[in-house]
C-alpha atoms as a PDB file:
ATOM      1  CA  MET A   1      11.675  -5.903 -11.134  1.00  0.00           C
ATOM      2  CA  LEU A   2      13.474  -2.474 -11.650  1.00  0.00           C
ATOM      3  CA  TRP A   3      11.359  -2.189 -14.831  1.00  0.00           C
ATOM      4  CA  TRP A   4       8.131  -3.064 -13.151  1.00  0.00           C
ATOM      5  CA  GLU A   5       8.390  -1.093 -10.011  1.00  0.00           C
ATOM      6  CA  TYR A   6       7.486   2.650  -9.957  1.00  0.00           C
ATOM      7  CA  ALA A   7      10.431   4.852  -9.123  1.00  0.00           C
ATOM      8  CA  PRO A   8      10.699   6.499  -5.801  1.00  0.00           C
ATOM      9  CA  ILE A   9       9.590  10.172  -5.519  1.00  0.00           C
ATOM     10  CA  PRO A  10      11.725  12.422  -3.369  1.00  0.00           C
ATOM     11  CA  MET A  11       9.861  13.789  -0.229  1.00  0.00           C
ATOM     12  CA  GLU A  12      10.533  17.365  -1.241  1.00  0.00           C
ATOM     13  CA  GLU A  13       8.734  16.822  -4.626  1.00  0.00           C
ATOM     14  CA  VAL A  14       5.489  15.656  -2.877  1.00  0.00           C
ATOM     15  CA  GLY A  15       2.768  18.253  -2.748  1.00  0.00           C
ATOM     16  CA  ASN A  16       0.051  18.666  -0.134  1.00  0.00           C
ATOM     17  CA  TYR A  17      -2.922  16.313   0.057  1.00  0.00           C
ATOM     18  CA  ASP A  18      -6.073  16.152   1.977  1.00  0.00           C
ATOM     19  CA  VAL A  19      -6.108  12.330   2.151  1.00  0.00           C
ATOM     20  CA  ALA A  20      -3.468   9.626   1.946  1.00  0.00           C
ATOM     21  CA  ILE A  21      -4.940   6.200   0.939  1.00  0.00           C
ATOM     22  CA  VAL A  22      -2.801   3.203   2.163  1.00  0.00           C
ATOM     23  CA  PHE A  23      -3.688  -0.215   1.119  1.00  0.00           C
ATOM     24  CA  SER A  24      -2.634  -2.832   3.630  1.00  0.00           C
ATOM     25  CA  GLY A  25      -0.863  -6.191   3.265  1.00  0.00           C
ATOM     26  CA  VAL A  26       2.314  -5.316   5.177  1.00  0.00           C
ATOM     27  CA  THR A  27       1.491  -6.764   8.629  1.00  0.00           C
ATOM     28  CA  LYS A  28       1.583 -10.091  10.172  1.00  0.00           C
ATOM     29  CA  GLY A  29      -1.858 -10.646  11.829  1.00  0.00           C
ATOM     30  CA  SER A  30      -1.416 -14.112  13.268  1.00  0.00           C
ATOM     31  CA  LYS A  31       1.719 -13.263  15.293  1.00  0.00           C
ATOM     32  CA  ALA A  32       1.449 -13.100  18.978  1.00  0.00           C
ATOM     33  CA  PRO A  33       1.457 -11.687  21.517  1.00  0.00           C
ATOM     34  CA  ARG A  34      -0.808  -9.116  20.153  1.00  0.00           C
ATOM     35  CA  ASP A  35       0.467  -6.196  22.109  1.00  0.00           C
ATOM     36  CA  ARG A  36       2.427  -4.650  19.048  1.00  0.00           C
ATOM     37  CA  VAL A  37       2.343  -4.535  15.309  1.00  0.00           C
ATOM     38  CA  TYR A  38       4.400  -7.019  13.446  1.00  0.00           C
ATOM     39  CA  PHE A  39       5.555  -6.040   9.980  1.00  0.00           C
ATOM     40  CA  GLY A  40       6.521  -7.995   6.976  1.00  0.00           C
ATOM     41  CA  ASN A  41       7.898  -6.668   3.590  1.00  0.00           C
ATOM     42  CA  GLY A  42       6.554  -3.372   2.442  1.00  0.00           C
ATOM     43  CA  ALA A  43       6.388  -1.582   5.987  1.00  0.00           C
ATOM     44  CA  ASP A  44       7.523   1.552   4.078  1.00  0.00           C
ATOM     45  CA  ARG A  45       3.748   1.818   2.946  1.00  0.00           C
ATOM     46  CA  ILE A  46       2.787   3.018   6.381  1.00  0.00           C
ATOM     47  CA  THR A  47       6.117   4.463   7.728  1.00  0.00           C
ATOM     48  CA  HIS A  48       6.332   6.723   4.685  1.00  0.00           C
ATOM     49  CA  THR A  49       2.770   7.779   5.212  1.00  0.00           C
ATOM     50  CA  LEU A  50       3.603   8.745   8.767  1.00  0.00           C
ATOM     51  CA  GLN A  51       6.630  10.715   7.389  1.00  0.00           C
ATOM     52  CA  LEU A  52       4.401  12.558   4.998  1.00  0.00           C
ATOM     53  CA  TYR A  53       1.966  13.300   7.758  1.00  0.00           C
ATOM     54  CA  ASN A  54       4.556  14.578  10.139  1.00  0.00           C
ATOM     55  CA  GLU A  55       5.916  16.786   7.349  1.00  0.00           C
ATOM     56  CA  GLY A  56       2.448  18.363   6.951  1.00  0.00           C
ATOM     57  CA  LYS A  57       2.053  16.773   3.454  1.00  0.00           C
ATOM     58  CA  VAL A  58      -1.150  14.763   4.300  1.00  0.00           C
ATOM     59  CA  LYS A  59      -4.018  15.943   6.543  1.00  0.00           C
ATOM     60  CA  ASN A  60      -6.073  12.615   6.807  1.00  0.00           C
ATOM     61  CA  ILE A  61      -5.046   8.961   6.324  1.00  0.00           C
ATOM     62  CA  ILE A  62      -7.305   6.091   5.156  1.00  0.00           C
ATOM     63  CA  VAL A  63      -6.052   2.734   5.931  1.00  0.00           C
ATOM     64  CA  SER A  64      -7.787  -0.072   4.072  1.00  0.00           C
ATOM     65  CA  GLY A  65      -7.618  -3.791   4.553  1.00  0.00           C
ATOM     66  CA  GLY A  66      -9.563  -6.706   6.172  1.00  0.00           C
ATOM     67  CA  LEU A  67      -8.687 -10.217   6.792  1.00  0.00           C
ATOM     68  CA  GLY A  68      -7.921 -11.108   3.183  1.00  0.00           C
ATOM     69  CA  PHE A  69      -8.539 -14.772   2.538  1.00  0.00           C
ATOM     70  CA  GLN A  70      -7.100 -15.922   5.952  1.00  0.00           C
ATOM     71  CA  GLN A  71      -9.181 -18.347   7.776  1.00  0.00           C
ATOM     72  CA  VAL A  72      -7.512 -17.818  11.148  1.00  0.00           C
ATOM     73  CA  LYS A  73      -9.162 -15.591  13.893  1.00  0.00           C
ATOM     74  CA  ASN A  74      -7.410 -12.287  13.392  1.00  0.00           C
ATOM     75  CA  THR A  75      -7.552  -8.511  13.742  1.00  0.00           C
ATOM     76  CA  ALA A  76      -8.191  -6.720  10.480  1.00  0.00           C
ATOM     77  CA  ALA A  77      -5.119  -5.467   8.627  1.00  0.00           C
ATOM     78  CA  ALA A  78      -6.551  -1.763   8.750  1.00  0.00           C
ATOM     79  CA  ASP A  79      -6.884  -2.333  12.520  1.00  0.00           C
ATOM     80  CA  ARG A  80      -3.082  -3.001  12.806  1.00  0.00           C
ATOM     81  CA  LEU A  81      -2.187  -0.082  10.683  1.00  0.00           C
ATOM     82  CA  GLU A  82      -4.229   2.171  12.654  1.00  0.00           C
ATOM     83  CA  SER A  83      -2.643   0.929  15.898  1.00  0.00           C
ATOM     84  CA  PHE A  84       0.824   1.593  14.468  1.00  0.00           C
ATOM     85  CA  LEU A  85      -0.320   5.201  13.481  1.00  0.00           C
ATOM     86  CA  THR A  86      -1.735   6.020  16.836  1.00  0.00           C
ATOM     87  CA  MET A  87       1.219   4.499  18.641  1.00  0.00           C
ATOM     88  CA  ALA A  88       3.332   7.018  16.613  1.00  0.00           C
ATOM     89  CA  GLY A  89       1.240   9.833  17.812  1.00  0.00           C
ATOM     90  CA  VAL A  90      -1.284  10.353  14.994  1.00  0.00           C
ATOM     91  CA  PRO A  91      -4.608  11.499  16.385  1.00  0.00           C
ATOM     92  CA  ASP A  92      -7.596   9.182  15.989  1.00  0.00           C
ATOM     93  CA  SER A  93      -9.513  12.084  14.297  1.00  0.00           C
ATOM     94  CA  VAL A  94      -7.050  11.930  11.325  1.00  0.00           C
ATOM     95  CA  ILE A  95      -7.428   8.216  10.670  1.00  0.00           C
ATOM     96  CA  THR A  96     -10.217   6.662   8.677  1.00  0.00           C
ATOM     97  CA  LYS A  97     -10.334   2.781   8.748  1.00  0.00           C
ATOM     98  CA  GLU A  98     -11.795   0.530   6.208  1.00  0.00           C
ATOM     99  CA  SER A  99     -11.543  -3.054   7.352  1.00  0.00           C
ATOM    100  CA  ASP A 100     -13.797  -4.999   5.110  1.00  0.00           C
ATOM    101  CA  ALA A 101     -11.601  -5.305   1.934  1.00  0.00           C
ATOM    102  CA  ALA A 102     -10.349  -8.781   1.131  1.00  0.00           C
ATOM    103  CA  ASN A 103      -8.262  -7.883  -1.981  1.00  0.00           C
ATOM    104  CA  THR A 104      -6.979  -4.813  -3.981  1.00  0.00           C
ATOM    105  CA  TYR A 105     -10.285  -4.606  -5.921  1.00  0.00           C
ATOM    106  CA  GLU A 106     -12.309  -4.269  -2.783  1.00  0.00           C
ATOM    107  CA  ASN A 107      -9.814  -1.858  -1.292  1.00  0.00           C
ATOM    108  CA  ALA A 108     -10.477   0.495  -4.303  1.00  0.00           C
ATOM    109  CA  VAL A 109     -14.285   0.063  -4.089  1.00  0.00           C
ATOM    110  CA  ASN A 110     -14.543   0.552  -0.384  1.00  0.00           C
ATOM    111  CA  VAL A 111     -12.068   3.486  -0.295  1.00  0.00           C
ATOM    112  CA  ALA A 112     -13.772   5.204  -3.202  1.00  0.00           C
ATOM    113  CA  LYS A 113     -17.072   5.155  -1.239  1.00  0.00           C
ATOM    114  CA  ILE A 114     -15.335   6.707   1.830  1.00  0.00           C
ATOM    115  CA  LEU A 115     -13.845   9.448  -0.358  1.00  0.00           C
ATOM    116  CA  LYS A 116     -17.095  10.334  -1.969  1.00  0.00           C
ATOM    117  CA  GLU A 117     -18.908  10.460   1.500  1.00  0.00           C
ATOM    118  CA  LYS A 118     -16.317  11.812   3.804  1.00  0.00           C
ATOM    119  CA  PHE A 119     -13.790  13.619   1.561  1.00  0.00           C
ATOM    120  CA  PRO A 120     -15.498  14.651  -1.639  1.00  0.00           C
ATOM    121  CA  ASP A 121     -13.553  16.692  -4.317  1.00  0.00           C
ATOM    122  CA  GLN A 122     -10.344  16.701  -2.366  1.00  0.00           C
ATOM    123  CA  LYS A 123      -6.628  15.889  -3.210  1.00  0.00           C
ATOM    124  CA  TYR A 124      -5.790  12.214  -2.803  1.00  0.00           C
ATOM    125  CA  LEU A 125      -2.602  10.357  -2.674  1.00  0.00           C
ATOM    126  CA  LEU A 126      -2.428   6.654  -3.216  1.00  0.00           C
ATOM    127  CA  ILE A 127       0.386   4.961  -1.096  1.00  0.00           C
ATOM    128  CA  THR A 128       1.287   1.344  -1.735  1.00  0.00           C
ATOM    129  CA  SER A 129       4.217  -0.870  -2.457  1.00  0.00           C
ATOM    130  CA  ALA A 130       6.078  -0.099  -5.702  1.00  0.00           C
ATOM    131  CA  PHE A 131       5.536  -3.397  -7.248  1.00  0.00           C
ATOM    132  CA  HIS A 132       1.794  -3.438  -6.439  1.00  0.00           C
ATOM    133  CA  MET A 133       1.197   0.093  -7.655  1.00  0.00           C
ATOM    134  CA  THR A 134       0.082  -0.824 -11.182  1.00  0.00           C
ATOM    135  CA  ARG A 135      -2.841  -3.007 -10.075  1.00  0.00           C
ATOM    136  CA  SER A 136      -3.782  -0.611  -7.154  1.00  0.00           C
ATOM    137  CA  LYS A 137      -3.809   2.328  -9.509  1.00  0.00           C
ATOM    138  CA  LEU A 138      -6.043   0.615 -12.099  1.00  0.00           C
ATOM    139  CA  CYS A 139      -8.412  -0.549  -9.573  1.00  0.00           C
ATOM    140  CA  LEU A 140      -8.862   2.956  -7.949  1.00  0.00           C
ATOM    141  CA  GLU A 141      -9.047   4.550 -11.387  1.00  0.00           C
ATOM    142  CA  LYS A 142     -11.898   2.246 -12.419  1.00  0.00           C
ATOM    143  CA  GLN A 143     -13.828   3.684  -9.430  1.00  0.00           C
ATOM    144  CA  GLY A 144     -13.536   7.178 -10.917  1.00  0.00           C
ATOM    145  CA  VAL A 145     -11.171   8.623  -8.355  1.00  0.00           C
ATOM    146  CA  ASP A 146      -8.663  11.177  -9.426  1.00  0.00           C
ATOM    147  CA  PHE A 147      -5.408  10.815  -7.498  1.00  0.00           C
ATOM    148  CA  ASP A 148      -1.585  11.086  -7.466  1.00  0.00           C
ATOM    149  CA  ILE A 149       0.601   8.173  -6.405  1.00  0.00           C
ATOM    150  CA  PHE A 150       3.426   7.714  -3.885  1.00  0.00           C
ATOM    151  CA  PRO A 151       5.334   4.307  -4.387  1.00  0.00           C
ATOM    152  CA  ALA A 152       6.903   2.633  -1.315  1.00  0.00           C
ATOM    153  CA  GLY A 153       8.005  -0.685  -0.073  1.00  0.00           C
ATOM    154  CA  PHE A 154      10.587  -1.301  -2.933  1.00  0.00           C
ATOM    155  CA  LEU A 155      11.826  -4.793  -3.560  1.00  0.00           C
ATOM    156  CA  THR A 156      14.825  -3.515  -5.603  1.00  0.00           C
ATOM    157  CA  THR A 157      17.874  -1.400  -5.114  1.00  0.00           C
ATOM    158  CA  ARG A 158      19.429   0.827  -7.820  1.00  0.00           C
ATOM    159  CA  SER A 159      21.021  -1.169 -10.499  1.00  0.00           C
ATOM    160  CA  THR A 160      24.803  -1.310 -10.785  1.00  0.00           C
ATOM    161  CA  ALA A 161      27.264  -2.645 -13.247  1.00  0.00           C
ATOM    162  CA  ASN A 162      29.155  -4.624 -10.438  1.00  0.00           C
ATOM    163  CA  PHE A 163      30.256  -8.047 -11.382  1.00  0.00           C
ATOM    164  CA  ASP A 164      28.410  -9.564  -8.420  1.00  0.00           C
ATOM    165  CA  ASP A 165      25.137  -7.875  -9.288  1.00  0.00           C
ATOM    166  CA  LEU A 166      25.357  -9.010 -12.953  1.00  0.00           C
ATOM    167  CA  PHE A 167      26.548 -12.567 -12.744  1.00  0.00           C
ATOM    168  CA  ILE A 168      26.332 -14.066  -9.225  1.00  0.00           C
ATOM    169  CA  PRO A 169      22.872 -15.694  -8.555  1.00  0.00           C
ATOM    170  CA  LYS A 170      20.997 -14.643  -5.582  1.00  0.00           C
ATOM    171  CA  SER A 171      18.339 -16.399  -3.754  1.00  0.00           C
ATOM    172  CA  GLU A 172      16.135 -13.329  -3.279  1.00  0.00           C
ATOM    173  CA  ALA A 173      15.835 -13.168  -7.072  1.00  0.00           C
ATOM    174  CA  ILE A 174      13.372 -16.159  -6.906  1.00  0.00           C
ATOM    175  CA  GLY A 175      11.176 -14.310  -4.462  1.00  0.00           C
ATOM    176  CA  ARG A 176      11.065 -11.218  -6.713  1.00  0.00           C
ATOM    177  CA  TRP A 177      10.161 -13.355  -9.673  1.00  0.00           C
ATOM    178  CA  GLU A 178       7.212 -14.793  -7.590  1.00  0.00           C
ATOM    179  CA  GLN A 179       6.045 -11.340  -6.761  1.00  0.00           C
ATOM    180  CA  LEU A 180       6.336 -10.152 -10.266  1.00  0.00           C
ATOM    181  CA  ILE A 181       4.493 -13.190 -11.712  1.00  0.00           C
ATOM    182  CA  LYS A 182       1.875 -12.871  -8.980  1.00  0.00           C
ATOM    183  CA  GLU A 183       1.245  -9.223  -9.993  1.00  0.00           C
ATOM    184  CA  MET A 184       1.011  -9.952 -13.835  1.00  0.00           C
ATOM    185  CA  VAL A 185      -1.466 -12.813 -13.041  1.00  0.00           C
ATOM    186  CA  GLY A 186      -3.404 -10.518 -10.816  1.00  0.00           C
ATOM    187  CA  ILE A 187      -3.603  -7.875 -13.435  1.00  0.00           C
ATOM    188  CA  ALA A 188      -4.704 -10.338 -16.081  1.00  0.00           C
ATOM    189  CA  THR A 189      -7.356 -11.920 -13.725  1.00  0.00           C
ATOM    190  CA  TYR A 190      -8.596  -8.487 -12.707  1.00  0.00           C
ATOM    191  CA  LYS A 191      -8.953  -7.505 -16.437  1.00  0.00           C
ATOM    192  CA  LEU A 192     -10.973 -10.737 -17.037  1.00  0.00           C
ATOM    193  CA  MET A 193     -13.175 -10.053 -14.125  1.00  0.00           C
ATOM    194  CA  GLY A 194     -13.842  -6.313 -15.099  1.00  0.00           C
ATOM    195  CA  TYR A 195     -12.179  -4.941 -12.092  1.00  0.00           C
ATOM    196  CA  ILE A 196      -9.821  -2.704 -14.038  1.00  0.00           C
END
């Protein structure tokens, strides 16, 4: 996973951008009561976006994500991310919500339309989980968008040569393999479908 994930970028090295693009997939939509936002893995996608906004490095934020393939009655993922940002003090005028995308390909297609209509020829920063960045990046590039990346939501820590890290099995390794295989299968499927 250390080989697959993009490396973290120090905040001081991040330039200034007109638009931050955040793909969803980090909230729990079926959890109740619905008077708050529940996060799963990868909440750094939106918390780091908030930090970049607060540091003046991004002016506008697009949050993208619908219901995915869930069949339960839910709020869209983008609605939940928007709710978090507004609770954290980000003005509504800064946030653009795209709540129809069911997958990464649709995130890219729908966001590209918004960028062309609302923010043409500006500087864009794609923010998503480090393990998901390759597929996200390829999908957005396929739409002809020129952008920089900011990986977040890391599944790994820095590697060490400690005996425990090298030789003691860990249950979370199974989950990391599952994520890695899912991304590899996703990329292969997207290539076959012509999405990337």
